[in-house]
Amino acid sequence: RIILNTYREFISSEELLMLLVKRWKIPKLDLTEGSRHPPDYMHVVVKPIRERVIGMLSEWLRSHQVDFNRSSQLHLALNTFIEFEIAVDFPDSADELRLLLSAQTPRSSKRRFPPPVGSLPQYRRIHELCILDFSPVDVARQISLLDHQQFLQLSPQDFFSSKQDSHIAKMGDWTESLRFSIVQEIERDLPDDEQLL
């Protein structure tokens, strides 16, 4: 679990998977006389290592699904590894991993919905528009799109940081200033007897 929570600081998801594949492919058993491998090498050495790799992949798919949702390459690479390596010696584990992986659909293959249709006020000149002329739903959509861009810049480490200059602190400041600007815009457009502040 510690590795899965911290590896992003050092390597990409694809590199972690390649390291697990490399660990899976430990040296082949040399059955010739005078071999340095013990007779029960496969059972004592290889099987436990491969079971740990399977356990790590299972935990990764259960606890960090977002890695597989974000990357179709990672999704494909793991699927290939399951089919051509794990399924050979561990068919039951391969079935479990296939099931977990099938629940993780890469973004590119998810069903896409058409964007919502906004309703623009009918004015001849753009300088005549004010924020109160727009539908509250359209304003909320635009704010959500702006917030989404800020959320994309966060990393898991930001949630553990208590620094004032962390991305979360900056995001909070940005969000607060955006909201204040919107309130100011609304105030400017309201008649004097309906002012909020």
N, C-alpha and C. Protein backbone atom coordinates (compact mmCIF):
# COMPACT_ATOMS: atom_id res chain seq x y z
N ARG A 1 0.82 -1.20 0.00
CA ARG A 1 0.00 0.00 0.00
C ARG A 1 0.86 1.26 0.00
N ILE A 2 1.93 1.25 0.73
CA ILE A 2 2.80 2.43 0.79
C ILE A 2 3.34 2.74 -0.60
N ILE A 3 3.76 1.71 -1.31
CA ILE A 3 4.30 1.91 -2.67
C ILE A 3 3.23 2.52 -3.56
N LEU A 4 2.00 2.01 -3.49
CA LEU A 4 0.93 2.51 -4.35
C LEU A 4 0.55 3.94 -4.01
N ASN A 5 0.75 4.36 -2.78
CA ASN A 5 0.41 5.73 -2.39
C ASN A 5 1.51 6.72 -2.71
N THR A 6 2.74 6.23 -2.90
CA THR A 6 3.86 7.16 -3.06
C THR A 6 4.63 7.05 -4.37
N TYR A 7 4.39 6.02 -5.17
CA TYR A 7 5.23 5.80 -6.35
C TYR A 7 5.21 6.95 -7.34
N ARG A 8 4.12 7.70 -7.40
CA ARG A 8 3.98 8.79 -8.38
C ARG A 8 5.03 9.88 -8.21
N GLU A 9 5.63 9.93 -7.04
CA GLU A 9 6.69 10.91 -6.80
C GLU A 9 7.95 10.55 -7.59
N PHE A 10 8.09 9.28 -7.94
CA PHE A 10 9.34 8.81 -8.52
C PHE A 10 9.21 8.26 -9.94
N ILE A 11 8.10 7.59 -10.22
CA ILE A 11 7.94 6.97 -11.54
C ILE A 11 6.48 7.09 -12.00
N SER A 12 6.25 6.81 -13.26
CA SER A 12 4.89 6.85 -13.81
C SER A 12 4.19 5.52 -13.54
N SER A 13 2.89 5.48 -13.77
CA SER A 13 2.12 4.24 -13.61
C SER A 13 2.62 3.17 -14.58
N GLU A 14 2.94 3.56 -15.80
CA GLU A 14 3.43 2.60 -16.79
C GLU A 14 4.76 2.01 -16.35
N GLU A 15 5.64 2.85 -15.76
CA GLU A 15 6.93 2.34 -15.29
C GLU A 15 6.75 1.38 -14.12
N LEU A 16 5.80 1.66 -13.24
CA LEU A 16 5.54 0.74 -12.13
C LEU A 16 5.07 -0.61 -12.67
N LEU A 17 4.18 -0.60 -13.64
CA LEU A 17 3.71 -1.86 -14.21
C LEU A 17 4.88 -2.62 -14.85
N MET A 18 5.76 -1.91 -15.56
CA MET A 18 6.90 -2.58 -16.19
C MET A 18 7.82 -3.19 -15.13
N LEU A 19 7.98 -2.54 -13.98
CA LEU A 19 8.78 -3.11 -12.89
C LEU A 19 8.13 -4.37 -12.34
N LEU A 20 6.82 -4.38 -12.23
CA LEU A 20 6.11 -5.57 -11.77
C LEU A 20 6.24 -6.71 -12.79
N VAL A 21 6.17 -6.39 -14.06
CA VAL A 21 6.35 -7.40 -15.11
C VAL A 21 7.77 -7.97 -15.03
N LYS A 22 8.74 -7.09 -14.84
CA LYS A 22 10.13 -7.53 -14.73
C LYS A 22 10.31 -8.44 -13.51
N ARG A 23 9.66 -8.09 -12.42
CA ARG A 23 9.75 -8.91 -11.21
C ARG A 23 9.11 -10.28 -11.45
N TRP A 24 8.04 -10.30 -12.21
CA TRP A 24 7.35 -11.55 -12.54
C TRP A 24 8.27 -12.49 -13.32
N LYS A 25 9.03 -11.91 -14.23
CA LYS A 25 9.89 -12.70 -15.12
C LYS A 25 11.26 -12.94 -14.50
N ILE A 26 11.26 -13.60 -13.36
CA ILE A 26 12.53 -13.92 -12.71
C ILE A 26 13.22 -15.01 -13.51
N PRO A 27 14.53 -15.24 -13.27
CA PRO A 27 15.28 -16.19 -14.10
C PRO A 27 14.61 -17.55 -14.22
N LYS A 28 14.68 -18.11 -15.41
CA LYS A 28 14.12 -19.43 -15.66
C LYS A 28 14.91 -20.49 -14.89
N LEU A 29 14.26 -21.57 -14.58
CA LEU A 29 14.87 -22.67 -13.86
C LEU A 29 15.83 -23.43 -14.78
N ASP A 30 17.04 -23.60 -14.30
CA ASP A 30 18.04 -24.37 -15.03
C ASP A 30 18.07 -25.78 -14.45
N LEU A 31 17.61 -26.75 -15.20
CA LEU A 31 17.49 -28.11 -14.70
C LEU A 31 18.73 -28.95 -14.95
N THR A 32 19.77 -28.38 -15.51
CA THR A 32 20.98 -29.15 -15.77
C THR A 32 21.69 -29.49 -14.46
N GLU A 33 22.47 -30.54 -14.51
CA GLU A 33 23.20 -30.96 -13.32
C GLU A 33 24.22 -29.88 -12.94
N GLY A 34 24.35 -29.63 -11.67
CA GLY A 34 25.26 -28.60 -11.20
C GLY A 34 24.62 -27.21 -11.19
N SER A 35 23.33 -27.17 -11.43
CA SER A 35 22.61 -25.89 -11.42
C SER A 35 22.62 -25.31 -10.02
N ARG A 36 22.62 -23.98 -9.95
CA ARG A 36 22.60 -23.34 -8.63
C ARG A 36 21.19 -23.25 -8.07
N HIS A 37 20.16 -23.59 -8.86
CA HIS A 37 18.78 -23.54 -8.39
C HIS A 37 18.44 -24.80 -7.59
N PRO A 38 17.78 -24.65 -6.45
CA PRO A 38 17.36 -25.84 -5.69
C PRO A 38 16.26 -26.58 -6.45
N PRO A 39 16.05 -27.85 -6.13
CA PRO A 39 15.05 -28.65 -6.85
C PRO A 39 13.63 -28.07 -6.75
N ASP A 40 13.30 -27.45 -5.65
CA ASP A 40 11.95 -26.91 -5.48
C ASP A 40 11.91 -25.40 -5.74
N TYR A 41 12.79 -24.94 -6.63
CA TYR A 41 12.93 -23.51 -6.96
C TYR A 41 11.60 -22.87 -7.36
N MET A 42 10.85 -23.53 -8.23
CA MET A 42 9.58 -22.95 -8.69
C MET A 42 8.60 -22.78 -7.53
N HIS A 43 8.53 -23.75 -6.66
CA HIS A 43 7.56 -23.69 -5.56
C HIS A 43 8.02 -22.76 -4.43
N VAL A 44 9.29 -22.78 -4.12
CA VAL A 44 9.80 -22.02 -2.98
C VAL A 44 10.13 -20.57 -3.36
N VAL A 45 10.62 -20.32 -4.55
CA VAL A 45 11.08 -18.98 -4.93
C VAL A 45 10.10 -18.29 -5.89
N VAL A 46 9.83 -18.92 -7.02
CA VAL A 46 9.06 -18.26 -8.08
C VAL A 46 7.61 -18.03 -7.68
N LYS A 47 6.93 -19.05 -7.19
CA LYS A 47 5.51 -18.93 -6.87
C LYS A 47 5.21 -17.82 -5.86
N PRO A 48 5.94 -17.73 -4.73
CA PRO A 48 5.66 -16.63 -3.79
C PRO A 48 5.87 -15.24 -4.38
N ILE A 49 6.90 -15.11 -5.22
CA ILE A 49 7.16 -13.80 -5.85
C ILE A 49 6.00 -13.44 -6.77
N ARG A 50 5.55 -14.38 -7.56
CA ARG A 50 4.45 -14.11 -8.49
C ARG A 50 3.14 -13.86 -7.75
N GLU A 51 2.93 -14.54 -6.63
CA GLU A 51 1.73 -14.29 -5.82
C GLU A 51 1.75 -12.87 -5.24
N ARG A 52 2.95 -12.38 -4.87
CA ARG A 52 3.05 -11.00 -4.38
C ARG A 52 2.76 -10.00 -5.50
N VAL A 53 3.24 -10.29 -6.70
CA VAL A 53 2.96 -9.42 -7.85
C VAL A 53 1.45 -9.37 -8.10
N ILE A 54 0.80 -10.53 -8.08
CA ILE A 54 -0.65 -10.59 -8.28
C ILE A 54 -1.37 -9.81 -7.18
N GLY A 55 -0.92 -9.98 -5.94
CA GLY A 55 -1.52 -9.25 -4.82
C GLY A 55 -1.39 -7.74 -4.99
N MET A 56 -0.23 -7.30 -5.46
CA MET A 56 -0.02 -5.86 -5.67
C MET A 56 -0.91 -5.35 -6.79
N LEU A 57 -1.02 -6.10 -7.88
CA LEU A 57 -1.89 -5.69 -8.98
C LEU A 57 -3.35 -5.62 -8.53
N SER A 58 -3.76 -6.59 -7.74
CA SER A 58 -5.14 -6.61 -7.24
C SER A 58 -5.41 -5.39 -6.35
N GLU A 59 -4.49 -5.08 -5.46
CA GLU A 59 -4.64 -3.91 -4.59
C GLU A 59 -4.64 -2.63 -5.42
N TRP A 60 -3.80 -2.56 -6.42
CA TRP A 60 -3.72 -1.38 -7.30
C TRP A 60 -5.06 -1.16 -8.00
N LEU A 61 -5.63 -2.24 -8.53
CA LEU A 61 -6.91 -2.12 -9.22
C LEU A 61 -8.05 -1.76 -8.27
N ARG A 62 -7.98 -2.21 -7.05
CA ARG A 62 -9.04 -1.91 -6.08
C ARG A 62 -8.93 -0.50 -5.50
N SER A 63 -7.72 -0.09 -5.18
CA SER A 63 -7.53 1.15 -4.42
C SER A 63 -7.17 2.37 -5.26
N HIS A 64 -6.66 2.15 -6.46
CA HIS A 64 -6.19 3.29 -7.27
C HIS A 64 -6.74 3.17 -8.69
N GLN A 65 -8.05 3.01 -8.79
CA GLN A 65 -8.71 2.82 -10.09
C GLN A 65 -8.42 3.97 -11.05
N VAL A 66 -8.26 5.15 -10.52
CA VAL A 66 -8.09 6.34 -11.36
C VAL A 66 -6.89 6.19 -12.30
N ASP A 67 -5.85 5.46 -11.87
CA ASP A 67 -4.68 5.27 -12.73
C ASP A 67 -5.07 4.57 -14.04
N PHE A 68 -5.98 3.62 -13.95
CA PHE A 68 -6.38 2.85 -15.13
C PHE A 68 -7.46 3.57 -15.93
N ASN A 69 -8.21 4.45 -15.28
CA ASN A 69 -9.21 5.25 -15.99
C ASN A 69 -8.55 6.33 -16.82
N ARG A 70 -7.41 6.83 -16.36
CA ARG A 70 -6.73 7.93 -17.04
C ARG A 70 -5.90 7.48 -18.24
N SER A 71 -5.42 6.24 -18.21
CA SER A 71 -4.47 5.83 -19.23
C SER A 71 -4.92 4.57 -19.96
N SER A 72 -5.24 4.71 -21.23
CA SER A 72 -5.61 3.53 -22.01
C SER A 72 -4.39 2.66 -22.27
N GLN A 73 -3.20 3.26 -22.32
CA GLN A 73 -1.96 2.47 -22.50
C GLN A 73 -1.73 1.56 -21.31
N LEU A 74 -1.91 2.09 -20.11
CA LEU A 74 -1.73 1.29 -18.89
C LEU A 74 -2.76 0.17 -18.85
N HIS A 75 -3.99 0.50 -19.20
CA HIS A 75 -5.08 -0.48 -19.23
C HIS A 75 -4.73 -1.62 -20.19
N LEU A 76 -4.29 -1.28 -21.39
CA LEU A 76 -3.93 -2.27 -22.41
C LEU A 76 -2.72 -3.11 -21.98
N ALA A 77 -1.71 -2.45 -21.42
CA ALA A 77 -0.50 -3.17 -20.99
C ALA A 77 -0.83 -4.18 -19.90
N LEU A 78 -1.66 -3.78 -18.93
CA LEU A 78 -2.01 -4.72 -17.86
C LEU A 78 -2.87 -5.86 -18.42
N ASN A 79 -3.78 -5.56 -19.31
CA ASN A 79 -4.60 -6.61 -19.91
C ASN A 79 -3.73 -7.63 -20.65
N THR A 80 -2.75 -7.14 -21.39
CA THR A 80 -1.82 -8.02 -22.10
C THR A 80 -1.03 -8.88 -21.13
N PHE A 81 -0.55 -8.28 -20.05
CA PHE A 81 0.21 -9.02 -19.04
C PHE A 81 -0.65 -10.12 -18.40
N ILE A 82 -1.89 -9.79 -18.12
CA ILE A 82 -2.80 -10.79 -17.52
C ILE A 82 -3.00 -11.96 -18.49
N GLU A 83 -3.28 -11.64 -19.75
CA GLU A 83 -3.60 -12.68 -20.73
C GLU A 83 -2.42 -13.58 -21.08
N PHE A 84 -1.23 -13.00 -21.24
CA PHE A 84 -0.09 -13.78 -21.74
C PHE A 84 0.87 -14.27 -20.67
N GLU A 85 0.75 -13.77 -19.47
CA GLU A 85 1.66 -14.20 -18.42
C GLU A 85 0.92 -14.81 -17.23
N ILE A 86 0.07 -14.03 -16.60
CA ILE A 86 -0.58 -14.49 -15.37
C ILE A 86 -1.52 -15.66 -15.63
N ALA A 87 -2.28 -15.60 -16.71
CA ALA A 87 -3.27 -16.65 -17.00
C ALA A 87 -2.63 -18.01 -17.24
N VAL A 88 -1.37 -18.04 -17.61
CA VAL A 88 -0.69 -19.31 -17.89
C VAL A 88 -0.57 -20.17 -16.63
N ASP A 89 -0.09 -19.58 -15.53
CA ASP A 89 0.15 -20.35 -14.31
C ASP A 89 -0.87 -20.10 -13.20
N PHE A 90 -1.60 -18.97 -13.29
CA PHE A 90 -2.56 -18.61 -12.25
C PHE A 90 -3.90 -18.22 -12.87
N PRO A 91 -4.62 -19.19 -13.46
CA PRO A 91 -5.86 -18.85 -14.17
C PRO A 91 -6.93 -18.22 -13.27
N ASP A 92 -7.05 -18.67 -12.03
CA ASP A 92 -8.06 -18.09 -11.13
C ASP A 92 -7.73 -16.64 -10.80
N SER A 93 -6.46 -16.39 -10.53
CA SER A 93 -6.04 -15.01 -10.25
C SER A 93 -6.22 -14.13 -11.48
N ALA A 94 -5.95 -14.69 -12.65
CA ALA A 94 -6.14 -13.94 -13.89
C ALA A 94 -7.60 -13.55 -14.07
N ASP A 95 -8.51 -14.48 -13.74
CA ASP A 95 -9.95 -14.17 -13.84
C ASP A 95 -10.33 -13.03 -12.90
N GLU A 96 -9.81 -13.07 -11.68
CA GLU A 96 -10.10 -12.00 -10.71
C GLU A 96 -9.56 -10.66 -11.20
N LEU A 97 -8.33 -10.66 -11.72
CA LEU A 97 -7.74 -9.42 -12.22
C LEU A 97 -8.50 -8.91 -13.45
N ARG A 98 -8.93 -9.83 -14.33
CA ARG A 98 -9.72 -9.42 -15.50
C ARG A 98 -11.01 -8.72 -15.06
N LEU A 99 -11.65 -9.29 -14.05
CA LEU A 99 -12.90 -8.72 -13.54
C LEU A 99 -12.66 -7.32 -12.97
N LEU A 100 -11.59 -7.18 -12.17
CA LEU A 100 -11.27 -5.87 -11.60
C LEU A 100 -10.92 -4.86 -12.70
N LEU A 101 -10.16 -5.31 -13.70
CA LEU A 101 -9.75 -4.42 -14.78
C LEU A 101 -10.93 -4.03 -15.66
N SER A 102 -11.87 -4.94 -15.85
CA SER A 102 -13.02 -4.62 -16.70
C SER A 102 -13.88 -3.51 -16.09
N ALA A 103 -13.81 -3.35 -14.78
CA ALA A 103 -14.55 -2.27 -14.12
C ALA A 103 -13.88 -0.92 -14.34
N GLN A 104 -12.62 -0.94 -14.78
CA GLN A 104 -11.87 0.29 -15.02
C GLN A 104 -11.85 0.57 -16.51
N THR A 105 -12.66 1.49 -16.95
CA THR A 105 -12.74 1.82 -18.36
C THR A 105 -11.92 3.06 -18.64
N PRO A 106 -10.97 2.99 -19.57
CA PRO A 106 -10.20 4.20 -19.90
C PRO A 106 -11.12 5.29 -20.41
N ARG A 107 -10.79 6.52 -20.11
CA ARG A 107 -11.62 7.66 -20.49
C ARG A 107 -11.96 7.68 -21.97
N SER A 108 -11.01 7.33 -22.79
CA SER A 108 -11.24 7.45 -24.24
C SER A 108 -12.34 6.52 -24.73
N SER A 109 -12.60 5.43 -24.02
CA SER A 109 -13.63 4.52 -24.49
C SER A 109 -14.95 4.66 -23.73
N LYS A 110 -15.02 5.57 -22.78
CA LYS A 110 -16.27 5.78 -22.05
C LYS A 110 -17.29 6.45 -22.97
N ARG A 111 -18.53 6.19 -22.70
CA ARG A 111 -19.60 6.81 -23.47
C ARG A 111 -19.59 8.31 -23.22
N ARG A 112 -19.63 9.06 -24.26
CA ARG A 112 -19.60 10.52 -24.15
C ARG A 112 -20.99 11.08 -24.38
N PHE A 113 -21.35 12.03 -23.57
CA PHE A 113 -22.63 12.70 -23.70
C PHE A 113 -22.41 14.03 -24.40
N PRO A 114 -23.38 14.48 -25.16
CA PRO A 114 -23.21 15.77 -25.81
C PRO A 114 -23.15 16.88 -24.77
N PRO A 115 -22.41 17.94 -25.06
CA PRO A 115 -22.33 19.04 -24.09
C PRO A 115 -23.70 19.69 -23.92
N PRO A 116 -23.94 20.23 -22.73
CA PRO A 116 -25.23 20.88 -22.52
C PRO A 116 -25.38 22.11 -23.42
N VAL A 117 -26.59 22.37 -23.80
CA VAL A 117 -26.87 23.53 -24.64
C VAL A 117 -27.15 24.71 -23.73
N GLY A 118 -26.33 25.74 -23.87
CA GLY A 118 -26.51 26.94 -23.06
C GLY A 118 -27.54 27.85 -23.68
N SER A 119 -28.04 28.73 -22.87
CA SER A 119 -29.00 29.70 -23.38
C SER A 119 -28.41 31.09 -23.20
N LEU A 120 -28.10 31.70 -24.31
CA LEU A 120 -27.54 33.05 -24.27
C LEU A 120 -28.65 34.08 -24.37
N PRO A 121 -28.50 35.15 -23.59
CA PRO A 121 -29.49 36.22 -23.69
C PRO A 121 -29.41 36.89 -25.06
N GLN A 122 -30.52 37.40 -25.52
CA GLN A 122 -30.58 38.04 -26.82
C GLN A 122 -30.31 39.54 -26.70
N TYR A 123 -29.10 39.93 -27.03
CA TYR A 123 -28.71 41.34 -27.04
C TYR A 123 -27.97 41.62 -28.33
N ARG A 124 -28.02 42.87 -28.74
CA ARG A 124 -27.31 43.23 -29.96
C ARG A 124 -25.83 43.49 -29.70
N ARG A 125 -25.51 44.01 -28.51
CA ARG A 125 -24.13 44.36 -28.20
C ARG A 125 -23.67 43.63 -26.94
N ILE A 126 -22.46 43.11 -27.01
CA ILE A 126 -21.95 42.34 -25.88
C ILE A 126 -21.74 43.20 -24.64
N HIS A 127 -21.42 44.47 -24.80
CA HIS A 127 -21.18 45.32 -23.63
C HIS A 127 -22.48 45.60 -22.86
N GLU A 128 -23.63 45.25 -23.42
CA GLU A 128 -24.90 45.42 -22.71
C GLU A 128 -25.21 44.25 -21.79
N LEU A 129 -24.46 43.15 -21.92
CA LEU A 129 -24.72 41.97 -21.09
C LEU A 129 -24.25 42.18 -19.65
N CYS A 130 -24.98 41.58 -18.72
CA CYS A 130 -24.52 41.52 -17.34
C CYS A 130 -24.74 40.09 -16.84
N ILE A 131 -24.14 39.75 -15.75
CA ILE A 131 -24.19 38.37 -15.27
C ILE A 131 -25.62 37.93 -14.96
N LEU A 132 -26.48 38.84 -14.58
CA LEU A 132 -27.86 38.49 -14.24
C LEU A 132 -28.69 38.13 -15.48
N ASP A 133 -28.16 38.43 -16.66
CA ASP A 133 -28.85 38.07 -17.90
C ASP A 133 -28.70 36.59 -18.24
N PHE A 134 -27.73 35.94 -17.64
CA PHE A 134 -27.47 34.52 -17.92
C PHE A 134 -28.24 33.64 -16.95
N SER A 135 -28.55 32.46 -17.41
CA SER A 135 -29.22 31.48 -16.56
C SER A 135 -28.27 31.07 -15.43
N PRO A 136 -28.79 30.89 -14.20
CA PRO A 136 -27.93 30.43 -13.10
C PRO A 136 -27.26 29.09 -13.42
N VAL A 137 -27.93 28.24 -14.17
CA VAL A 137 -27.34 26.95 -14.55
C VAL A 137 -26.12 27.16 -15.44
N ASP A 138 -26.21 28.09 -16.40
CA ASP A 138 -25.07 28.37 -17.28
C ASP A 138 -23.91 28.97 -16.50
N VAL A 139 -24.19 29.84 -15.56
CA VAL A 139 -23.13 30.43 -14.73
C VAL A 139 -22.47 29.32 -13.90
N ALA A 140 -23.27 28.46 -13.31
CA ALA A 140 -22.73 27.36 -12.50
C ALA A 140 -21.87 26.42 -13.35
N ARG A 141 -22.29 26.15 -14.59
CA ARG A 141 -21.50 25.30 -15.48
C ARG A 141 -20.13 25.91 -15.74
N GLN A 142 -20.12 27.20 -16.02
CA GLN A 142 -18.85 27.87 -16.31
C GLN A 142 -17.93 27.87 -15.09
N ILE A 143 -18.49 28.08 -13.92
CA ILE A 143 -17.68 28.03 -12.69
C ILE A 143 -17.14 26.62 -12.48
N SER A 144 -17.97 25.62 -12.73
CA SER A 144 -17.53 24.22 -12.59
C SER A 144 -16.38 23.91 -13.54
N LEU A 145 -16.44 24.41 -14.76
CA LEU A 145 -15.36 24.18 -15.71
C LEU A 145 -14.06 24.82 -15.24
N LEU A 146 -14.17 26.02 -14.68
CA LEU A 146 -12.98 26.70 -14.15
C LEU A 146 -12.43 25.94 -12.94
N ASP A 147 -13.31 25.51 -12.04
CA ASP A 147 -12.87 24.73 -10.87
C ASP A 147 -12.22 23.43 -11.29
N HIS A 148 -12.79 22.79 -12.31
CA HIS A 148 -12.24 21.51 -12.79
C HIS A 148 -10.79 21.67 -13.22
N GLN A 149 -10.49 22.74 -13.92
CA GLN A 149 -9.11 22.99 -14.34
C GLN A 149 -8.18 23.12 -13.14
N GLN A 150 -8.67 23.73 -12.07
CA GLN A 150 -7.86 23.85 -10.86
C GLN A 150 -7.66 22.49 -10.20
N PHE A 151 -8.70 21.66 -10.14
CA PHE A 151 -8.61 20.34 -9.52
C PHE A 151 -7.62 19.44 -10.28
N LEU A 152 -7.55 19.59 -11.60
CA LEU A 152 -6.64 18.77 -12.39
C LEU A 152 -5.18 19.01 -12.02
N GLN A 153 -4.87 20.16 -11.46
CA GLN A 153 -3.50 20.49 -11.10
C GLN A 153 -3.09 19.91 -9.75
N LEU A 154 -4.05 19.33 -9.01
CA LEU A 154 -3.74 18.75 -7.71
C LEU A 154 -3.10 17.37 -7.86
N SER A 155 -2.21 17.06 -6.96
CA SER A 155 -1.63 15.72 -6.90
C SER A 155 -1.99 15.12 -5.54
N PRO A 156 -1.87 13.82 -5.38
CA PRO A 156 -2.19 13.22 -4.08
C PRO A 156 -1.38 13.82 -2.93
N GLN A 157 -0.15 14.24 -3.21
CA GLN A 157 0.70 14.80 -2.17
C GLN A 157 0.15 16.13 -1.64
N ASP A 158 -0.59 16.85 -2.47
CA ASP A 158 -1.14 18.13 -2.04
C ASP A 158 -2.09 17.96 -0.86
N PHE A 159 -2.73 16.82 -0.76
CA PHE A 159 -3.69 16.61 0.32
C PHE A 159 -3.01 16.35 1.66
N PHE A 160 -1.72 16.04 1.62
CA PHE A 160 -0.98 15.79 2.85
C PHE A 160 -0.14 16.99 3.26
N SER A 161 -0.08 18.00 2.42
CA SER A 161 0.74 19.17 2.69
C SER A 161 -0.01 20.17 3.55
N SER A 162 0.69 20.71 4.54
CA SER A 162 0.07 21.73 5.38
C SER A 162 0.65 23.11 5.08
N LYS A 163 1.44 23.20 4.02
CA LYS A 163 2.08 24.46 3.66
C LYS A 163 1.04 25.46 3.13
N GLN A 164 1.28 26.71 3.41
CA GLN A 164 0.39 27.76 2.94
C GLN A 164 0.49 27.96 1.43
N ASP A 165 1.62 27.56 0.84
CA ASP A 165 1.79 27.75 -0.60
C ASP A 165 1.47 26.48 -1.40
N SER A 166 0.76 25.51 -0.78
CA SER A 166 0.40 24.28 -1.48
C SER A 166 -0.64 24.58 -2.55
N HIS A 167 -0.82 23.63 -3.46
CA HIS A 167 -1.82 23.80 -4.53
C HIS A 167 -3.22 23.96 -3.95
N ILE A 168 -3.50 23.24 -2.86
CA ILE A 168 -4.85 23.33 -2.27
C ILE A 168 -5.08 24.73 -1.71
N ALA A 169 -4.07 25.29 -1.03
CA ALA A 169 -4.22 26.64 -0.49
C ALA A 169 -4.39 27.65 -1.63
N LYS A 170 -3.60 27.49 -2.69
CA LYS A 170 -3.72 28.39 -3.84
C LYS A 170 -5.08 28.23 -4.51
N MET A 171 -5.55 27.00 -4.59
CA MET A 171 -6.86 26.76 -5.19
C MET A 171 -7.96 27.41 -4.37
N GLY A 172 -7.86 27.30 -3.04
CA GLY A 172 -8.85 27.94 -2.17
C GLY A 172 -8.87 29.44 -2.35
N ASP A 173 -7.67 30.04 -2.46
CA ASP A 173 -7.58 31.49 -2.69
C ASP A 173 -8.18 31.86 -4.04
N TRP A 174 -7.87 31.06 -5.05
CA TRP A 174 -8.39 31.34 -6.39
C TRP A 174 -9.91 31.23 -6.41
N THR A 175 -10.44 30.17 -5.80
CA THR A 175 -11.89 29.96 -5.76
C THR A 175 -12.58 31.09 -5.02
N GLU A 176 -12.00 31.51 -3.91
CA GLU A 176 -12.58 32.61 -3.13
C GLU A 176 -12.59 33.91 -3.94
N SER A 177 -11.50 34.19 -4.65
CA SER A 177 -11.46 35.43 -5.44
C SER A 177 -12.45 35.37 -6.61
N LEU A 178 -12.63 34.19 -7.20
CA LEU A 178 -13.61 34.03 -8.27
C LEU A 178 -15.02 34.31 -7.75
N ARG A 179 -15.34 33.71 -6.63
CA ARG A 179 -16.67 33.91 -6.05
C ARG A 179 -16.90 35.38 -5.68
N PHE A 180 -15.87 36.02 -5.13
CA PHE A 180 -15.99 37.43 -4.77
C PHE A 180 -16.21 38.29 -6.02
N SER A 181 -15.52 37.96 -7.11
CA SER A 181 -15.70 38.70 -8.37
C SER A 181 -17.13 38.55 -8.89
N ILE A 182 -17.68 37.37 -8.77
CA ILE A 182 -19.05 37.15 -9.23
C ILE A 182 -20.03 37.96 -8.39
N VAL A 183 -19.83 37.95 -7.07
CA VAL A 183 -20.71 38.74 -6.20
C VAL A 183 -20.60 40.22 -6.55
N GLN A 184 -19.38 40.70 -6.79
CA GLN A 184 -19.20 42.10 -7.17
C GLN A 184 -19.93 42.41 -8.48
N GLU A 185 -19.86 41.49 -9.43
CA GLU A 185 -20.54 41.69 -10.72
C GLU A 185 -22.05 41.75 -10.52
N ILE A 186 -22.57 40.88 -9.68
CA ILE A 186 -24.01 40.89 -9.41
C ILE A 186 -24.40 42.19 -8.72
N GLU A 187 -23.60 42.61 -7.75
CA GLU A 187 -23.85 43.88 -7.02
C GLU A 187 -23.90 45.06 -7.99
N ARG A 188 -22.99 45.07 -8.92
CA ARG A 188 -22.91 46.17 -9.88
C ARG A 188 -24.18 46.26 -10.73
N ASP A 189 -24.77 45.09 -11.02
CA ASP A 189 -25.92 45.04 -11.90
C ASP A 189 -27.27 45.17 -11.18
N LEU A 190 -27.26 45.07 -9.85
CA LEU A 190 -28.52 45.18 -9.11
C LEU A 190 -28.88 46.66 -8.90
N PRO A 191 -30.17 46.95 -8.84
CA PRO A 191 -30.56 48.32 -8.48
C PRO A 191 -30.10 48.65 -7.05
N ASP A 192 -29.94 49.91 -6.73
CA ASP A 192 -29.41 50.33 -5.44
C ASP A 192 -30.22 49.78 -4.24
N ASP A 193 -31.52 49.69 -4.38
CA ASP A 193 -32.35 49.24 -3.25
C ASP A 193 -32.27 47.73 -3.02
N GLU A 194 -31.61 46.95 -3.93
CA GLU A 194 -31.50 45.50 -3.79
C GLU A 194 -30.05 45.06 -3.55
N GLN A 195 -29.16 45.97 -3.23
CA GLN A 195 -27.74 45.62 -3.03
C GLN A 195 -27.58 44.59 -1.93
N LEU A 196 -26.63 43.66 -2.16
CA LEU A 196 -26.38 42.59 -1.20
C LEU A 196 -25.44 43.02 -0.08
N LEU A 197 -24.41 43.78 -0.42
CA LEU A 197 -23.41 44.16 0.58
C LEU A 197 -23.56 45.58 1.04
